[in-house]
Amino acid sequence: MNFEIFQQSLTTGTPPANSNVYLQSLWHDARGDWEHAHTLIQDLPDKSAAWIHAYLHRKEGDVWNANYWYTKAGKRMPGYTLEKEWEELVKAML
């Protein structure tokens, strides 16, 4: 799967088959289901999950919590759009 195919899947009712939990979370976020996206990722202990968790809290507007999770991910909060970060995340998780 590539980014374009993943993006096209947003018009369907389910994430692409064989999507990992990271991509599932990002898929649900893009479809407007922040809560489901957060539930899928919040208890995973790795840096990829922490990065998505940070992005989700940034999107929510909870800057303090987002910074906490960016630190856990070994990253800094980006100074660019949420849309660009979402795309960066998807490409990194593919």
N, C-alpha and C. Protein backbone atom coordinates (compact mmCIF):
# COMPACT_ATOMS: atom_id res chain seq x y z
N MET A 1 0.86 -1.17 0.00
CA MET A 1 0.00 0.00 0.00
C MET A 1 0.90 1.24 0.00
N ASN A 2 0.43 2.29 -0.66
CA ASN A 2 1.13 3.56 -0.64
C ASN A 2 0.20 4.65 -0.11
N PHE A 3 0.72 5.86 -0.02
CA PHE A 3 -0.04 6.96 0.56
C PHE A 3 -1.32 7.23 -0.22
N GLU A 4 -1.25 7.22 -1.53
CA GLU A 4 -2.42 7.51 -2.36
C GLU A 4 -3.53 6.48 -2.13
N ILE A 5 -3.17 5.22 -2.06
CA ILE A 5 -4.17 4.17 -1.83
C ILE A 5 -4.78 4.34 -0.44
N PHE A 6 -3.94 4.64 0.55
CA PHE A 6 -4.45 4.86 1.90
C PHE A 6 -5.42 6.03 1.91
N GLN A 7 -5.05 7.10 1.26
CA GLN A 7 -5.90 8.29 1.21
C GLN A 7 -7.23 7.98 0.51
N GLN A 8 -7.20 7.21 -0.55
CA GLN A 8 -8.42 6.83 -1.26
C GLN A 8 -9.34 5.98 -0.38
N SER A 9 -8.75 5.22 0.53
CA SER A 9 -9.54 4.36 1.40
C SER A 9 -10.42 5.17 2.35
N LEU A 10 -10.15 6.44 2.50
CA LEU A 10 -10.95 7.28 3.40
C LEU A 10 -12.38 7.43 2.92
N THR A 11 -12.63 7.10 1.65
CA THR A 11 -13.99 7.19 1.12
C THR A 11 -14.78 5.90 1.35
N THR A 12 -14.12 4.90 1.93
CA THR A 12 -14.79 3.62 2.20
C THR A 12 -15.23 3.58 3.66
N GLY A 13 -15.89 2.53 4.04
CA GLY A 13 -16.40 2.41 5.40
C GLY A 13 -15.45 1.78 6.40
N THR A 14 -14.33 1.25 5.92
CA THR A 14 -13.39 0.59 6.83
C THR A 14 -11.95 0.89 6.40
N PRO A 15 -11.03 0.82 7.35
CA PRO A 15 -9.61 1.00 6.99
C PRO A 15 -9.17 -0.10 6.02
N PRO A 16 -8.11 0.14 5.28
CA PRO A 16 -7.62 -0.89 4.35
C PRO A 16 -7.30 -2.19 5.08
N ALA A 17 -7.53 -3.29 4.40
CA ALA A 17 -7.20 -4.60 4.96
C ALA A 17 -5.72 -4.64 5.31
N ASN A 18 -5.39 -5.32 6.37
CA ASN A 18 -4.01 -5.48 6.83
C ASN A 18 -3.37 -4.18 7.32
N SER A 19 -4.17 -3.17 7.63
CA SER A 19 -3.62 -1.93 8.20
C SER A 19 -3.19 -2.20 9.64
N ASN A 20 -2.01 -1.70 9.99
CA ASN A 20 -1.58 -1.83 11.38
C ASN A 20 -2.37 -0.85 12.25
N VAL A 21 -2.24 -0.97 13.55
CA VAL A 21 -3.01 -0.15 14.48
C VAL A 21 -2.70 1.35 14.30
N TYR A 22 -1.48 1.67 13.91
CA TYR A 22 -1.10 3.07 13.70
C TYR A 22 -1.90 3.66 12.55
N LEU A 23 -1.93 2.93 11.44
CA LEU A 23 -2.70 3.40 10.27
C LEU A 23 -4.19 3.42 10.56
N GLN A 24 -4.67 2.45 11.31
CA GLN A 24 -6.09 2.45 11.68
C GLN A 24 -6.44 3.70 12.47
N SER A 25 -5.58 4.06 13.41
CA SER A 25 -5.81 5.26 14.20
C SER A 25 -5.84 6.50 13.32
N LEU A 26 -4.89 6.62 12.43
CA LEU A 26 -4.83 7.78 11.53
C LEU A 26 -6.02 7.80 10.57
N TRP A 27 -6.46 6.63 10.15
CA TRP A 27 -7.62 6.52 9.26
C TRP A 27 -8.87 7.05 9.98
N HIS A 28 -9.08 6.60 11.21
CA HIS A 28 -10.25 7.05 11.97
C HIS A 28 -10.18 8.55 12.25
N ASP A 29 -8.99 9.04 12.55
CA ASP A 29 -8.83 10.48 12.76
C ASP A 29 -9.23 11.26 11.51
N ALA A 30 -8.75 10.82 10.36
CA ALA A 30 -9.06 11.52 9.11
C ALA A 30 -10.55 11.48 8.79
N ARG A 31 -11.23 10.46 9.27
CA ARG A 31 -12.67 10.33 9.05
C ARG A 31 -13.48 11.06 10.11
N GLY A 32 -12.80 11.78 11.00
CA GLY A 32 -13.50 12.60 11.99
C GLY A 32 -13.81 11.91 13.29
N ASP A 33 -13.24 10.72 13.51
CA ASP A 33 -13.51 9.98 14.75
C ASP A 33 -12.27 10.03 15.65
N TRP A 34 -12.04 11.21 16.23
CA TRP A 34 -10.88 11.43 17.10
C TRP A 34 -10.89 10.45 18.26
N GLU A 35 -12.04 10.22 18.86
CA GLU A 35 -12.14 9.35 20.03
C GLU A 35 -11.65 7.92 19.71
N HIS A 36 -12.11 7.38 18.60
CA HIS A 36 -11.68 6.02 18.22
C HIS A 36 -10.19 6.00 17.93
N ALA A 37 -9.71 7.02 17.22
CA ALA A 37 -8.29 7.11 16.91
C ALA A 37 -7.47 7.12 18.20
N HIS A 38 -7.92 7.89 19.17
CA HIS A 38 -7.22 8.00 20.45
C HIS A 38 -7.28 6.69 21.23
N THR A 39 -8.42 6.06 21.24
CA THR A 39 -8.58 4.78 21.96
C THR A 39 -7.63 3.72 21.40
N LEU A 40 -7.48 3.67 20.10
CA LEU A 40 -6.60 2.67 19.48
C LEU A 40 -5.14 2.86 19.87
N ILE A 41 -4.71 4.08 20.10
CA ILE A 41 -3.29 4.37 20.24
C ILE A 41 -2.84 4.67 21.66
N GLN A 42 -3.76 5.05 22.53
CA GLN A 42 -3.37 5.63 23.81
C GLN A 42 -2.59 4.72 24.76
N ASP A 43 -2.76 3.43 24.68
CA ASP A 43 -2.09 2.53 25.62
C ASP A 43 -0.88 1.80 25.04
N LEU A 44 -0.51 2.12 23.81
CA LEU A 44 0.65 1.46 23.20
C LEU A 44 1.93 2.15 23.67
N PRO A 45 2.97 1.38 24.02
CA PRO A 45 4.14 1.95 24.69
C PRO A 45 5.28 2.42 23.79
N ASP A 46 5.15 2.32 22.48
CA ASP A 46 6.28 2.63 21.60
C ASP A 46 6.28 4.07 21.10
N LYS A 47 7.38 4.46 20.47
CA LYS A 47 7.54 5.84 20.01
C LYS A 47 6.61 6.20 18.86
N SER A 48 6.27 5.25 18.02
CA SER A 48 5.34 5.54 16.92
C SER A 48 3.97 5.90 17.49
N ALA A 49 3.52 5.12 18.47
CA ALA A 49 2.24 5.41 19.11
C ALA A 49 2.29 6.75 19.82
N ALA A 50 3.41 7.04 20.48
CA ALA A 50 3.54 8.32 21.18
C ALA A 50 3.45 9.49 20.20
N TRP A 51 4.02 9.33 19.02
CA TRP A 51 3.97 10.40 18.02
C TRP A 51 2.52 10.65 17.57
N ILE A 52 1.81 9.57 17.28
CA ILE A 52 0.40 9.73 16.89
C ILE A 52 -0.40 10.30 18.04
N HIS A 53 -0.14 9.84 19.24
CA HIS A 53 -0.82 10.34 20.43
C HIS A 53 -0.58 11.85 20.57
N ALA A 54 0.65 12.27 20.35
CA ALA A 54 0.99 13.69 20.41
C ALA A 54 0.22 14.48 19.37
N TYR A 55 0.21 13.98 18.15
CA TYR A 55 -0.52 14.64 17.06
C TYR A 55 -2.00 14.78 17.42
N LEU A 56 -2.59 13.72 17.97
CA LEU A 56 -4.01 13.77 18.31
C LEU A 56 -4.29 14.82 19.39
N HIS A 57 -3.42 14.94 20.37
CA HIS A 57 -3.63 15.96 21.40
C HIS A 57 -3.35 17.36 20.86
N ARG A 58 -2.41 17.47 19.94
CA ARG A 58 -2.20 18.77 19.27
C ARG A 58 -3.47 19.16 18.52
N LYS A 59 -4.05 18.22 17.81
CA LYS A 59 -5.28 18.48 17.06
C LYS A 59 -6.40 18.88 18.00
N GLU A 60 -6.45 18.23 19.15
CA GLU A 60 -7.47 18.52 20.16
C GLU A 60 -7.29 19.92 20.76
N GLY A 61 -6.07 20.45 20.68
CA GLY A 61 -5.79 21.76 21.26
C GLY A 61 -5.18 21.69 22.64
N ASP A 62 -4.84 20.49 23.09
CA ASP A 62 -4.22 20.29 24.41
C ASP A 62 -2.70 20.31 24.24
N VAL A 63 -2.15 21.52 24.20
CA VAL A 63 -0.73 21.71 23.89
C VAL A 63 0.18 21.06 24.94
N TRP A 64 -0.18 21.20 26.21
CA TRP A 64 0.67 20.62 27.25
C TRP A 64 0.76 19.11 27.07
N ASN A 65 -0.37 18.46 26.90
CA ASN A 65 -0.40 17.01 26.73
C ASN A 65 0.31 16.60 25.43
N ALA A 66 0.09 17.36 24.38
CA ALA A 66 0.77 17.07 23.12
C ALA A 66 2.28 17.13 23.30
N ASN A 67 2.79 18.17 23.97
CA ASN A 67 4.23 18.27 24.19
C ASN A 67 4.76 17.10 25.00
N TYR A 68 4.01 16.65 25.97
CA TYR A 68 4.40 15.47 26.76
C TYR A 68 4.62 14.28 25.83
N TRP A 69 3.66 14.04 24.93
CA TRP A 69 3.76 12.88 24.04
C TRP A 69 4.80 13.06 22.95
N TYR A 70 5.00 14.29 22.47
CA TYR A 70 6.09 14.52 21.51
C TYR A 70 7.43 14.17 22.17
N THR A 71 7.60 14.55 23.43
CA THR A 71 8.83 14.22 24.15
C THR A 71 8.99 12.71 24.24
N LYS A 72 7.91 11.98 24.57
CA LYS A 72 7.95 10.51 24.63
C LYS A 72 8.33 9.91 23.28
N ALA A 73 7.92 10.58 22.21
CA ALA A 73 8.21 10.09 20.86
C ALA A 73 9.60 10.48 20.39
N GLY A 74 10.29 11.33 21.17
CA GLY A 74 11.61 11.81 20.76
C GLY A 74 11.52 12.86 19.67
N LYS A 75 10.43 13.62 19.67
CA LYS A 75 10.19 14.63 18.64
C LYS A 75 9.81 15.95 19.29
N ARG A 76 9.77 16.99 18.47
CA ARG A 76 9.30 18.30 18.90
C ARG A 76 8.00 18.60 18.16
N MET A 77 7.14 19.36 18.80
CA MET A 77 5.90 19.75 18.14
C MET A 77 6.24 20.53 16.87
N PRO A 78 5.70 20.12 15.74
CA PRO A 78 6.04 20.82 14.49
C PRO A 78 5.37 22.18 14.40
N GLY A 79 5.97 23.02 13.60
CA GLY A 79 5.44 24.36 13.37
C GLY A 79 4.65 24.45 12.07
N TYR A 80 4.22 23.32 11.55
CA TYR A 80 3.44 23.31 10.32
C TYR A 80 2.06 22.74 10.59
N THR A 81 1.25 22.64 9.55
CA THR A 81 -0.17 22.30 9.71
C THR A 81 -0.38 20.87 10.19
N LEU A 82 -1.54 20.68 10.80
CA LEU A 82 -1.95 19.33 11.20
C LEU A 82 -2.07 18.42 9.98
N GLU A 83 -2.53 18.96 8.88
CA GLU A 83 -2.69 18.16 7.65
C GLU A 83 -1.35 17.63 7.18
N LYS A 84 -0.33 18.50 7.23
CA LYS A 84 1.00 18.06 6.81
C LYS A 84 1.55 17.01 7.77
N GLU A 85 1.32 17.20 9.06
CA GLU A 85 1.80 16.20 10.02
C GLU A 85 1.07 14.87 9.83
N TRP A 86 -0.24 14.92 9.58
CA TRP A 86 -0.99 13.69 9.34
C TRP A 86 -0.37 12.92 8.16
N GLU A 87 -0.09 13.63 7.07
CA GLU A 87 0.50 13.00 5.90
C GLU A 87 1.88 12.41 6.24
N GLU A 88 2.66 13.15 6.99
CA GLU A 88 3.98 12.67 7.42
C GLU A 88 3.86 11.40 8.28
N LEU A 89 2.89 11.40 9.17
CA LEU A 89 2.64 10.24 10.01
C LEU A 89 2.23 9.02 9.18
N VAL A 90 1.29 9.21 8.28
CA VAL A 90 0.84 8.08 7.45
C VAL A 90 2.01 7.51 6.67
N LYS A 91 2.78 8.37 6.03
CA LYS A 91 3.91 7.89 5.23
C LYS A 91 4.93 7.16 6.10
N ALA A 92 5.13 7.63 7.33
CA ALA A 92 6.07 6.97 8.23
C ALA A 92 5.56 5.61 8.71
N MET A 93 4.23 5.48 8.81
CA MET A 93 3.64 4.24 9.33
C MET A 93 3.40 3.18 8.24
N LEU A 94 3.45 3.59 6.98
CA LEU A 94 3.24 2.64 5.88
C LEU A 94 4.38 1.64 5.77
